C-alpha atoms as a PDB file:
ATOM      1  CA  MET A   1       0.007   0.020  -0.013  1.00  0.00           C
ATOM      2  CA  SER A   2       1.413   3.348  -1.018  1.00  0.00           C
ATOM      3  CA  PRO A   3       1.585   6.228   1.497  1.00  0.00           C
ATOM      4  CA  ASN A   4      -1.235   8.058  -0.198  1.00  0.00           C
ATOM      5  CA  GLU A   5      -3.506   5.062  -0.823  1.00  0.00           C
ATOM      6  CA  LYS A   6      -6.663   4.884   1.174  1.00  0.00           C
ATOM      7  CA  LEU A   7      -7.364   1.766   3.217  1.00  0.00           C
ATOM      8  CA  VAL A   8     -10.395  -0.159   1.901  1.00  0.00           C
ATOM      9  CA  VAL A   9     -11.967  -2.624   4.252  1.00  0.00           C
ATOM     10  CA  THR A  10     -14.111  -5.304   2.715  1.00  0.00           C
ATOM     11  CA  PRO A  11     -16.628  -6.700   5.174  1.00  0.00           C
ATOM     12  CA  PRO A  12     -16.756 -10.516   5.410  1.00  0.00           C
ATOM     13  CA  ALA A  13     -19.394 -12.196   3.302  1.00  0.00           C
ATOM     14  CA  ALA A  14     -22.541 -12.906   5.158  1.00  0.00           C
ATOM     15  CA  LYS A  15     -23.354 -16.584   5.768  1.00  0.00           C
ATOM     16  CA  GLU A  16     -26.270 -17.855   3.795  1.00  0.00           C
ATOM     17  CA  GLY A  17     -27.509 -20.383   6.379  1.00  0.00           C
ATOM     18  CA  THR A  18     -30.841 -22.113   6.298  1.00  0.00           C
ATOM     19  CA  ARG A  19     -34.148 -20.282   6.446  1.00  0.00           C
ATOM     20  CA  ARG A  20     -34.506 -21.300  10.035  1.00  0.00           C
ATOM     21  CA  GLU A  21     -31.039 -20.026  10.880  1.00  0.00           C
ATOM     22  CA  ARG A  22     -31.759 -16.703   9.176  1.00  0.00           C
ATOM     23  CA  ARG A  23     -34.978 -16.419  11.105  1.00  0.00           C
ATOM     24  CA  ILE A  24     -33.205 -17.071  14.412  1.00  0.00           C
ATOM     25  CA  GLU A  25     -30.522 -14.489  13.634  1.00  0.00           C
ATOM     26  CA  ARG A  26     -33.156 -11.848  12.707  1.00  0.00           C
ATOM     27  CA  GLN A  27     -34.986 -12.460  16.012  1.00  0.00           C
ATOM     28  CA  ARG A  28     -31.771 -12.437  18.013  1.00  0.00           C
ATOM     29  CA  LYS A  29     -30.838  -9.101  16.402  1.00  0.00           C
ATOM     30  CA  ALA A  30     -34.309  -7.696  17.143  1.00  0.00           C
ATOM     31  CA  ILE A  31     -33.857  -8.712  20.775  1.00  0.00           C
ATOM     32  CA  LEU A  32     -30.427  -7.141  20.966  1.00  0.00           C
ATOM     33  CA  ASP A  33     -31.610  -3.915  19.307  1.00  0.00           C
ATOM     34  CA  ALA A  34     -34.614  -3.660  21.626  1.00  0.00           C
ATOM     35  CA  SER A  35     -32.500  -4.436  24.703  1.00  0.00           C
ATOM     36  CA  ALA A  36     -29.904  -1.746  23.753  1.00  0.00           C
ATOM     37  CA  GLU A  37     -32.687   0.842  23.394  1.00  0.00           C
ATOM     38  CA  LEU A  38     -34.186  -0.064  26.757  1.00  0.00           C
ATOM     39  CA  PHE A  39     -30.774  -0.263  28.524  1.00  0.00           C
ATOM     40  CA  ALA A  40     -30.001   3.261  27.095  1.00  0.00           C
ATOM     41  CA  GLN A  41     -33.356   4.629  28.194  1.00  0.00           C
ATOM     42  CA  LYS A  42     -33.859   2.907  31.611  1.00  0.00           C
ATOM     43  CA  GLY A  43     -30.453   1.620  32.467  1.00  0.00           C
ATOM     44  CA  TYR A  44     -29.361  -2.047  32.514  1.00  0.00           C
ATOM     45  CA  THR A  45     -30.338  -2.696  36.114  1.00  0.00           C
ATOM     46  CA  ALA A  46     -33.829  -1.173  35.839  1.00  0.00           C
ATOM     47  CA  THR A  47     -34.654  -3.094  32.596  1.00  0.00           C
ATOM     48  CA  THR A  48     -36.324  -6.492  32.999  1.00  0.00           C
ATOM     49  CA  THR A  49     -36.626  -9.419  30.627  1.00  0.00           C
ATOM     50  CA  LYS A  50     -40.341  -8.768  30.734  1.00  0.00           C
ATOM     51  CA  ASP A  51     -39.640  -5.276  29.329  1.00  0.00           C
ATOM     52  CA  ILE A  52     -37.425  -6.738  26.583  1.00  0.00           C
ATOM     53  CA  ALA A  53     -39.979  -9.398  25.655  1.00  0.00           C
ATOM     54  CA  ARG A  54     -42.688  -6.775  25.471  1.00  0.00           C
ATOM     55  CA  ALA A  55     -40.578  -4.535  23.190  1.00  0.00           C
ATOM     56  CA  VAL A  56     -40.135  -7.285  20.605  1.00  0.00           C
ATOM     57  CA  ASP A  57     -43.691  -8.607  21.052  1.00  0.00           C
ATOM     58  CA  VAL A  58     -42.851 -12.080  22.249  1.00  0.00           C
ATOM     59  CA  GLY A  59     -43.537 -13.957  25.459  1.00  0.00           C
ATOM     60  CA  GLU A  60     -40.843 -14.093  28.211  1.00  0.00           C
ATOM     61  CA  SER A  61     -40.523 -17.881  27.692  1.00  0.00           C
ATOM     62  CA  THR A  62     -39.846 -17.327  23.984  1.00  0.00           C
ATOM     63  CA  LEU A  63     -37.233 -14.673  24.826  1.00  0.00           C
ATOM     64  CA  TYR A  64     -35.470 -17.302  27.029  1.00  0.00           C
ATOM     65  CA  GLY A  65     -35.274 -19.557  23.950  1.00  0.00           C
ATOM     66  CA  TYR A  66     -32.876 -17.066  22.389  1.00  0.00           C
ATOM     67  CA  PHE A  67     -31.020 -15.793  25.520  1.00  0.00           C
ATOM     68  CA  SER A  68     -30.871 -17.453  28.886  1.00  0.00           C
ATOM     69  CA  SER A  69     -30.743 -14.160  30.806  1.00  0.00           C
ATOM     70  CA  LYS A  70     -30.417 -10.359  30.616  1.00  0.00           C
ATOM     71  CA  GLN A  71     -26.689 -10.761  31.385  1.00  0.00           C
ATOM     72  CA  GLU A  72     -26.302 -12.980  28.362  1.00  0.00           C
ATOM     73  CA  ILE A  73     -27.921 -10.262  26.165  1.00  0.00           C
ATOM     74  CA  LEU A  74     -25.504  -7.619  27.495  1.00  0.00           C
ATOM     75  CA  GLN A  75     -22.600 -10.051  27.018  1.00  0.00           C
ATOM     76  CA  GLU A  76     -23.594 -10.607  23.377  1.00  0.00           C
ATOM     77  CA  ILE A  77     -23.788  -6.802  22.838  1.00  0.00           C
ATOM     78  CA  LEU A  78     -20.211  -6.458  24.177  1.00  0.00           C
ATOM     79  CA  ILE A  79     -18.904  -9.421  22.191  1.00  0.00           C
ATOM     80  CA  GLN A  80     -20.355  -8.052  18.922  1.00  0.00           C
ATOM     81  CA  GLN A  81     -18.930  -4.643  19.541  1.00  0.00           C
ATOM     82  CA  GLY A  82     -15.582  -5.964  20.471  1.00  0.00           C
ATOM     83  CA  GLU A  83     -15.390  -8.258  17.413  1.00  0.00           C
ATOM     84  CA  MET A  84     -16.471  -5.392  15.115  1.00  0.00           C
ATOM     85  CA  VAL A  85     -13.672  -3.074  16.359  1.00  0.00           C
ATOM     86  CA  ASP A  86     -11.088  -5.828  16.345  1.00  0.00           C
ATOM     87  CA  SER A  87     -11.992  -6.956  12.832  1.00  0.00           C
ATOM     88  CA  LEU A  88     -10.987  -3.401  11.678  1.00  0.00           C
ATOM     89  CA  LEU A  89      -7.848  -3.131  13.778  1.00  0.00           C
ATOM     90  CA  VAL A  90      -6.352  -6.167  12.110  1.00  0.00           C
ATOM     91  CA  HIS A  91      -5.472  -3.677   9.347  1.00  0.00           C
ATOM     92  CA  LEU A  92      -3.242  -1.605  11.650  1.00  0.00           C
ATOM     93  CA  ASN A  93      -0.104  -3.316  10.375  1.00  0.00           C
ATOM     94  CA  ASP A  94      -1.086  -2.397   6.822  1.00  0.00           C
ATOM     95  CA  LEU A  95      -0.977   1.325   7.534  1.00  0.00           C
ATOM     96  CA  LYS A  96       1.834   2.835   5.453  1.00  0.00           C
ATOM     97  CA  GLY A  97       0.918   6.541   5.460  1.00  0.00           C
ATOM     98  CA  LEU A  98      -1.300   9.167   7.021  1.00  0.00           C
ATOM     99  CA  GLU A  99      -3.987   8.733   4.375  1.00  0.00           C
ATOM    100  CA  SER A 100      -4.464   5.079   5.171  1.00  0.00           C
ATOM    101  CA  PHE A 101      -4.489   5.824   8.907  1.00  0.00           C
ATOM    102  CA  VAL A 102      -7.200   8.473   8.296  1.00  0.00           C
ATOM    103  CA  GLY A 103      -9.166   5.917   6.208  1.00  0.00           C
ATOM    104  CA  LEU A 104      -9.119   3.382   9.003  1.00  0.00           C
ATOM    105  CA  VAL A 105     -10.187   5.936  11.657  1.00  0.00           C
ATOM    106  CA  ASP A 106     -12.973   7.150   9.356  1.00  0.00           C
ATOM    107  CA  ILE A 107     -14.313   3.627   8.981  1.00  0.00           C
ATOM    108  CA  LEU A 108     -14.047   3.044  12.792  1.00  0.00           C
ATOM    109  CA  LEU A 109     -16.046   6.258  13.389  1.00  0.00           C
ATOM    110  CA  GLU A 110     -18.664   5.273  10.837  1.00  0.00           C
ATOM    111  CA  ARG A 111     -19.158   1.811  12.501  1.00  0.00           C
ATOM    112  CA  LEU A 112     -19.202   3.109  16.042  1.00  0.00           C
ATOM    113  CA  LEU A 113     -21.700   5.890  15.197  1.00  0.00           C
ATOM    114  CA  ALA A 114     -23.868   3.340  13.449  1.00  0.00           C
ATOM    115  CA  TRP A 115     -23.853   1.440  16.772  1.00  0.00           C
ATOM    116  CA  ALA A 116     -24.463   4.626  18.819  1.00  0.00           C
ATOM    117  CA  VAL A 117     -27.149   3.044  20.993  1.00  0.00           C
ATOM    118  CA  TYR A 118     -25.045   0.014  21.780  1.00  0.00           C
ATOM    119  CA  ASN A 119     -22.038   2.106  22.629  1.00  0.00           C
ATOM    120  CA  ARG A 120     -24.154   4.430  24.799  1.00  0.00           C
ATOM    121  CA  VAL A 121     -25.178   1.438  26.825  1.00  0.00           C
ATOM    122  CA  VAL A 122     -21.581   0.160  27.196  1.00  0.00           C
ATOM    123  CA  ILE A 123     -20.261   3.574  28.330  1.00  0.00           C
ATOM    124  CA  ALA A 124     -23.043   4.251  30.734  1.00  0.00           C
ATOM    125  CA  GLU A 125     -23.178   0.864  32.431  1.00  0.00           C
ATOM    126  CA  ALA A 126     -19.356   0.464  32.624  1.00  0.00           C
ATOM    127  CA  TRP A 127     -19.200   3.862  34.313  1.00  0.00           C
ATOM    128  CA  ILE A 128     -21.487   2.908  37.208  1.00  0.00           C
ATOM    129  CA  ASN A 129     -21.254  -0.851  37.359  1.00  0.00           C
ATOM    130  CA  ASP A 130     -17.926  -2.359  38.353  1.00  0.00           C
ATOM    131  CA  GLU A 131     -19.133  -5.912  37.577  1.00  0.00           C
ATOM    132  CA  ILE A 132     -19.921  -4.939  33.989  1.00  0.00           C
ATOM    133  CA  LEU A 133     -16.709  -2.940  33.632  1.00  0.00           C
ATOM    134  CA  LEU A 134     -14.368  -5.663  34.899  1.00  0.00           C
ATOM    135  CA  GLY A 135     -16.372  -8.773  33.968  1.00  0.00           C
ATOM    136  CA  TYR A 136     -17.391  -7.753  30.504  1.00  0.00           C
ATOM    137  CA  VAL A 137     -15.921  -4.555  29.010  1.00  0.00           C
ATOM    138  CA  VAL A 138     -12.303  -5.097  30.125  1.00  0.00           C
ATOM    139  CA  VAL A 139     -12.358  -8.756  29.053  1.00  0.00           C
ATOM    140  CA  HIS A 140     -13.660  -8.006  25.530  1.00  0.00           C
ATOM    141  CA  TRP A 141     -11.593  -4.936  24.970  1.00  0.00           C
ATOM    142  CA  GLN A 142      -8.302  -6.490  26.188  1.00  0.00           C
ATOM    143  CA  PRO A 143      -7.387  -7.890  22.779  1.00  0.00           C
ATOM    144  CA  ILE A 144      -8.091  -4.544  21.187  1.00  0.00           C
ATOM    145  CA  MET A 145      -5.899  -2.730  23.672  1.00  0.00           C
ATOM    146  CA  GLU A 146      -3.120  -5.261  23.130  1.00  0.00           C
ATOM    147  CA  ARG A 147      -3.381  -4.712  19.364  1.00  0.00           C
ATOM    148  CA  LEU A 148      -3.025  -0.943  19.833  1.00  0.00           C
ATOM    149  CA  GLN A 149      -0.087  -1.459  22.205  1.00  0.00           C
ATOM    150  CA  ASN A 150       1.708  -3.594  19.636  1.00  0.00           C
ATOM    151  CA  PHE A 151       0.991  -0.986  16.942  1.00  0.00           C
ATOM    152  CA  ILE A 152       2.427   1.786  19.088  1.00  0.00           C
ATOM    153  CA  ALA A 153       5.461  -0.317  20.078  1.00  0.00           C
ATOM    154  CA  ALA A 154       6.211  -1.065  16.408  1.00  0.00           C
ATOM    155  CA  ARG A 155       6.061   2.635  15.516  1.00  0.00           C
ATOM    156  CA  ILE A 156       8.364   3.485  18.407  1.00  0.00           C
ATOM    157  CA  ALA A 157      10.797   0.862  17.141  1.00  0.00           C
ATOM    158  CA  ALA A 158      10.676   2.433  13.708  1.00  0.00           C
ATOM    159  CA  ASP A 159      11.283   5.923  15.065  1.00  0.00           C
ATOM    160  CA  ILE A 160       7.874   7.104  13.941  1.00  0.00           C
ATOM    161  CA  PHE A 161       6.522   7.689  17.440  1.00  0.00           C
ATOM    162  CA  ARG A 162       8.656   9.054  20.364  1.00  0.00           C
ATOM    163  CA  PRO A 163       9.359   6.592  23.208  1.00  0.00           C
ATOM    164  CA  ILE A 164       6.332   6.278  25.445  1.00  0.00           C
ATOM    165  CA  ASP A 165       4.675   3.490  27.465  1.00  0.00           C
ATOM    166  CA  PRO A 166       2.651   1.628  24.817  1.00  0.00           C
ATOM    167  CA  ALA A 167      -0.029   0.739  27.300  1.00  0.00           C
ATOM    168  CA  PHE A 168      -0.503   4.336  28.271  1.00  0.00           C
ATOM    169  CA  GLY A 169      -0.428   5.384  24.631  1.00  0.00           C
ATOM    170  CA  ALA A 170      -3.184   2.878  23.781  1.00  0.00           C
ATOM    171  CA  ARG A 171      -5.400   4.273  26.512  1.00  0.00           C
ATOM    172  CA  MET A 172      -4.812   7.802  25.266  1.00  0.00           C
ATOM    173  CA  MET A 173      -5.698   6.765  21.720  1.00  0.00           C
ATOM    174  CA  VAL A 174      -8.957   5.258  22.885  1.00  0.00           C
ATOM    175  CA  ALA A 175      -9.688   8.196  25.093  1.00  0.00           C
ATOM    176  CA  ALA A 176      -9.140  10.704  22.203  1.00  0.00           C
ATOM    177  CA  PHE A 177     -11.281   8.585  19.857  1.00  0.00           C
ATOM    178  CA  VAL A 178     -14.220   8.106  22.252  1.00  0.00           C
ATOM    179  CA  ALA A 179     -14.089  11.799  23.400  1.00  0.00           C
ATOM    180  CA  SER A 180     -14.395  12.948  19.706  1.00  0.00           C
ATOM    181  CA  ILE A 181     -17.761  11.244  19.308  1.00  0.00           C
ATOM    182  CA  LEU A 182     -19.047  11.292  22.925  1.00  0.00           C
ATOM    183  CA  PRO A 183     -21.452  14.211  22.364  1.00  0.00           C
ATOM    184  CA  VAL A 184     -23.040  12.237  19.525  1.00  0.00           C
ATOM    185  CA  LEU A 185     -23.208   9.023  21.530  1.00  0.00           C
ATOM    186  CA  ARG A 186     -24.738  11.117  24.418  1.00  0.00           C
ATOM    187  CA  GLY A 187     -27.363  12.434  21.999  1.00  0.00           C
ATOM    188  CA  VAL A 188     -26.556  16.129  22.498  1.00  0.00           C
ATOM    189  CA  GLU A 189     -25.118  16.624  19.035  1.00  0.00           C
ATOM    190  CA  PRO A 190     -26.363  15.313  15.657  1.00  0.00           C
ATOM    191  CA  PRO A 191     -24.393  12.696  13.856  1.00  0.00           C
ATOM    192  CA  PRO A 192     -21.704  14.152  11.596  1.00  0.00           C
ATOM    193  CA  THR A 193     -22.057  14.113   7.816  1.00  0.00           C
ATOM    194  CA  PRO A 194     -19.608  11.841   5.930  1.00  0.00           C
ATOM    195  CA  GLU A 195     -17.499  14.936   5.128  1.00  0.00           C
ATOM    196  CA  GLN A 196     -17.586  16.072   8.766  1.00  0.00           C
ATOM    197  CA  ARG A 197     -16.713  12.567   9.882  1.00  0.00           C
ATOM    198  CA  HIS A 198     -13.712  12.468   7.492  1.00  0.00           C
ATOM    199  CA  GLN A 199     -12.484  15.841   8.757  1.00  0.00           C
ATOM    200  CA  LEU A 200     -12.775  14.495  12.340  1.00  0.00           C
ATOM    201  CA  ALA A 201     -10.737  11.421  11.343  1.00  0.00           C
ATOM    202  CA  ILE A 202      -8.062  13.725   9.991  1.00  0.00           C
ATOM    203  CA  ALA A 203      -7.990  15.757  13.220  1.00  0.00           C
ATOM    204  CA  ILE A 204      -7.689  12.577  15.342  1.00  0.00           C
ATOM    205  CA  VAL A 205      -4.790  11.258  13.275  1.00  0.00           C
ATOM    206  CA  GLU A 206      -3.025  14.588  13.327  1.00  0.00           C
ATOM    207  CA  ILE A 207      -3.274  14.723  17.132  1.00  0.00           C
ATOM    208  CA  VAL A 208      -2.087  11.121  17.522  1.00  0.00           C
ATOM    209  CA  ASN A 209       0.915  11.750  15.199  1.00  0.00           C
ATOM    210  CA  ASN A 210       1.823  15.308  16.163  1.00  0.00           C
ATOM    211  CA  GLY A 211       0.249  16.106  19.499  1.00  0.00           C
ATOM    212  CA  PHE A 212      -0.285  19.798  20.104  1.00  0.00           C
ATOM    213  CA  HIS A 213       3.155  20.942  18.934  1.00  0.00           C
ATOM    214  CA  ALA A 214       3.223  23.708  16.306  1.00  0.00           C
ATOM    215  CA  GLN A 215       4.624  22.589  13.007  1.00  0.00           C
ATOM    216  CA  LYS A 216       7.956  24.256  12.151  1.00  0.00           C
ATOM    217  CA  GLY A 217       9.835  24.593   8.933  1.00  0.00           C
END
């Protein structure tokens, strides 16, 4: 990949499956979507399985045929979110220039904003619930943090980044990224247009690469 070439991520082909498998997947997705909306509105603790069943217009016993508990629903939300982010970060080692870095960040922003309700749930619940933070979020985001640490360490070794603690750098990357879209996730700002999102990706990459130092020469 040349320094000016944009990174293009091709999503994996969807599995065909049988008609029954597709129906089950559609129903599971409907349950996850409804649960995320309810968790965002009422909070995870205050939401009951009866609330979720009512939202998808099924009986509680039917709901348990897809998920054994409310905890399993939250677990699945976190698994899918973590897998989505990790599937994009596998391209980190392919980044050869700023333009490809911007392209990856732009795609990440697009995907995370499309999952705004899910991310709102994760942030809100992890903030107030240590069990969810330590038992779910940290577990599923650990591979992502390790991938970022390896990326930073490789760039330090190549004299692209200055010497810093890769673990601290990974946390700062995630913090900058989440902070940039937090008002949208919170619902106090409208989602950015594609052009605004791309400009945001450029700003994030510039800060990661250059910090706040003025450019000289």
